[in-house]
C-alpha atoms as a PDB file:
ATOM      1  CA  MET A   1       9.209   0.437   2.706  1.00  0.00           C
ATOM      2  CA  LEU A   2      10.031   3.733   1.002  1.00  0.00           C
ATOM      3  CA  VAL A   3       7.919   4.524  -2.053  1.00  0.00           C
ATOM      4  CA  ALA A   4      10.148   5.735  -4.890  1.00  0.00           C
ATOM      5  CA  GLY A   5       7.443   6.346  -7.477  1.00  0.00           C
ATOM      6  CA  VAL A   6       3.699   6.092  -8.035  1.00  0.00           C
ATOM      7  CA  GLU A   7       1.967   5.665 -11.389  1.00  0.00           C
ATOM      8  CA  ARG A   8      -0.338   8.525 -12.291  1.00  0.00           C
ATOM      9  CA  ASN A   9      -4.033   7.611 -11.856  1.00  0.00           C
ATOM     10  CA  SER A  10      -3.150   4.271 -10.222  1.00  0.00           C
ATOM     11  CA  PRO A  11      -5.113   2.988  -7.212  1.00  0.00           C
ATOM     12  CA  ALA A  12      -2.136   3.951  -5.006  1.00  0.00           C
ATOM     13  CA  SER A  13      -2.075   7.471  -6.434  1.00  0.00           C
ATOM     14  CA  LYS A  14      -5.817   7.827  -5.981  1.00  0.00           C
ATOM     15  CA  ALA A  15      -5.418   6.724  -2.339  1.00  0.00           C
ATOM     16  CA  GLY A  16      -2.910   9.537  -1.776  1.00  0.00           C
ATOM     17  CA  ILE A  17       0.337   7.565  -1.731  1.00  0.00           C
ATOM     18  CA  ARG A  18       3.185   9.754  -2.983  1.00  0.00           C
ATOM     19  CA  PRO A  19       6.885   9.301  -3.680  1.00  0.00           C
ATOM     20  CA  GLY A  20       8.617   9.627  -0.322  1.00  0.00           C
ATOM     21  CA  SER A  21       5.811   7.863   1.535  1.00  0.00           C
ATOM     22  CA  VAL A  22       6.785   4.961   3.764  1.00  0.00           C
ATOM     23  CA  ILE A  23       4.473   1.945   3.859  1.00  0.00           C
ATOM     24  CA  ASN A  24       4.944   0.420   7.299  1.00  0.00           C
ATOM     25  CA  MET A  25       1.913  -1.877   7.586  1.00  0.00           C
ATOM     26  CA  VAL A  26      -0.270  -3.927   5.274  1.00  0.00           C
ATOM     27  CA  GLY A  27      -3.463  -4.851   7.053  1.00  0.00           C
ATOM     28  CA  GLN A  28      -2.360  -5.540  10.616  1.00  0.00           C
ATOM     29  CA  THR A  29       1.127  -6.748   9.685  1.00  0.00           C
ATOM     30  CA  ALA A  30       4.296  -4.646   9.868  1.00  0.00           C
ATOM     31  CA  VAL A  31       6.360  -4.671   6.664  1.00  0.00           C
ATOM     32  CA  ASP A  32      10.017  -3.845   6.151  1.00  0.00           C
ATOM     33  CA  SER A  33      10.682  -4.480   2.476  1.00  0.00           C
ATOM     34  CA  PRO A  34       9.095  -4.272  -0.967  1.00  0.00           C
ATOM     35  CA  ASP A  35       8.899  -8.082  -0.961  1.00  0.00           C
ATOM     36  CA  ASP A  36       6.837  -7.973   2.259  1.00  0.00           C
ATOM     37  CA  VAL A  37       4.403  -5.490   0.725  1.00  0.00           C
ATOM     38  CA  VAL A  38       4.066  -7.505  -2.500  1.00  0.00           C
ATOM     39  CA  GLU A  39       3.500 -10.736  -0.569  1.00  0.00           C
ATOM     40  CA  HIS A  40       0.735  -9.268   1.598  1.00  0.00           C
ATOM     41  CA  VAL A  41      -0.993  -7.495  -1.298  1.00  0.00           C
ATOM     42  CA  ARG A  42      -0.810 -10.667  -3.398  1.00  0.00           C
ATOM     43  CA  ASN A  43      -2.325 -12.668  -0.519  1.00  0.00           C
ATOM     44  CA  ALA A  44      -5.163 -10.155  -0.239  1.00  0.00           C
ATOM     45  CA  ALA A  45      -5.841 -10.428  -3.976  1.00  0.00           C
ATOM     46  CA  GLU A  46      -5.813 -14.238  -3.803  1.00  0.00           C
ATOM     47  CA  GLN A  47      -8.370 -14.026  -1.003  1.00  0.00           C
ATOM     48  CA  LYS A  48     -10.558 -11.963  -3.366  1.00  0.00           C
ATOM     49  CA  GLN A  49     -10.368  -8.833  -1.211  1.00  0.00           C
ATOM     50  CA  SER A  50     -11.433  -5.713  -3.077  1.00  0.00           C
ATOM     51  CA  ALA A  51      -8.963  -3.448  -1.243  1.00  0.00           C
ATOM     52  CA  VAL A  52      -6.006  -3.565   1.091  1.00  0.00           C
ATOM     53  CA  LEU A  53      -5.457  -1.296   4.088  1.00  0.00           C
ATOM     54  CA  LEU A  54      -2.015   0.299   4.338  1.00  0.00           C
ATOM     55  CA  ARG A  55      -0.513   2.397   7.105  1.00  0.00           C
ATOM     56  CA  VAL A  56       1.528   5.062   5.370  1.00  0.00           C
ATOM     57  CA  GLU A  57       3.850   7.685   6.811  1.00  0.00           C
ATOM     58  CA  TYR A  58       4.347  10.866   4.805  1.00  0.00           C
ATOM     59  CA  ARG A  59       6.112  13.946   6.101  1.00  0.00           C
ATOM     60  CA  GLY A  60       6.029  12.683   9.668  1.00  0.00           C
ATOM     61  CA  GLN A  61       2.320  11.842   9.749  1.00  0.00           C
ATOM     62  CA  ASN A  62       0.887   8.321   9.800  1.00  0.00           C
ATOM     63  CA  ARG A  63      -2.448   7.559   8.231  1.00  0.00           C
ATOM     64  CA  PHE A  64      -4.362   4.565   6.998  1.00  0.00           C
ATOM     65  CA  VAL A  65      -5.361   4.354   3.354  1.00  0.00           C
ATOM     66  CA  ALA A  66      -7.419   1.748   1.525  1.00  0.00           C
ATOM     67  CA  VAL A  67      -5.996   0.876  -1.888  1.00  0.00           C
ATOM     68  CA  LYS A  68      -8.373  -0.783  -4.334  1.00  0.00           C
ATOM     69  CA  LEU A  69      -7.027  -4.019  -5.797  1.00  0.00           C
ATOM     70  CA  ALA A  70      -7.216  -4.670  -9.517  1.00  0.00           C
ATOM     71  CA  THR A  71      -9.712  -7.276 -10.628  1.00  0.00           C
ATOM     72  CA  ALA A  72      -8.832  -9.915 -13.184  1.00  0.00           C
END
């Protein structure tokens, strides 16, 4: 899933996700669409996880980043 924009000072921004990044995994599951990403992040939040691990490609390099989930 191609990232079009990232809110300044958001957990994603703080984890180093930038516009142009491609999120290709959430946890150990491959994702292809924004809906896939939302579903997996929502599931992680419902399971009371404090963060979600994403595999992100940016400028040809893959890396894993942990993005802190908001608490209610």
